[in-house]
Structures are given as structure tokens and as C-alpha cells.
Amino acid sequence: QLQLVESGGGLVQPGGSLRLSCAASTFTLENYAIGWFRQAPGKEREGVSCISAGGSYTNYADSVKGRFTISRDNAKNTVYLQIDSLRPEDAATYYCAAHRGILLHSLCLSPANYDHWGQGAQVTVSS
């Protein structure tokens, strides 16, 4: 069974930073497009960023452009989401998800296109 594990969440003050990690222990991530999603209480899950299997493209939701950076380290079998300039509205449970093979840039922020999901990491933004 494919397993993704998110880590790095926590409580951060507005304007602060943190880095989320998405690690795979039972398969090789380099063959998968990876997306980061978030879901706040009472809201739908939304895509915030994604990266292609080969790392040739990345995509970001407008609300996070310039503040979030996605990257992957295939040697460590891990994908990262660097979050800077945190805002209260960024507070949510963050999930990573994997799609095997090619995923079009225009589709990679849609949760429906992913087959495998992690359990989530909580990000709280509060002073």
C-alpha cells in the first residue's frame, strides 16, 4: 500500500515560516506528480501547489503565489512545501497527494486527479 506521511506542521505566528515535508516509505516518489492541498474547518479542500514527476513544472494557487515554494528531493524521496509570510487564512490541515505519471499543469491543483493521500499536517497561525 502506498503511504505518504506529512510532517512539519505546527503553530506559527503571522508572518512566520515553516516547511512541510511529504515523505514516501513504500514507493518511489520520483515517478509521481505531487500536490499539496489544504482544508480548513467547514471549507472544501483546495489545491495550493503541485510539482510534476520530473520536477519540470510547478503550479501555485493565486492565494499563495510568492509565499509558498514547492520542491522535491528524489534522493530523499521527499517533497517539500516552504511556506513564508504566513497569514491567518493559511491555517488548515495540509495534505500531500500523489499521482503516478504525467499530470497536466492545468489539472495538478485539482484533488480529484490524485490517487494517494497522506493523513495531513496541521498548520495553525496565531499570535
Foldseek 3Di string as FASTA:
>chain_A
DWAKAKDWADEAAQQAKIKIKIATDPDQQLQWKKWKWWDAPPDDIWTAKIAGSPRPDMDGDPVQPPFWDWDDDRVRRMIMIIGGRDDQVVWGWMKMFIAGHDDDPVPGTPPVRGDGIHPTGGHGYHD
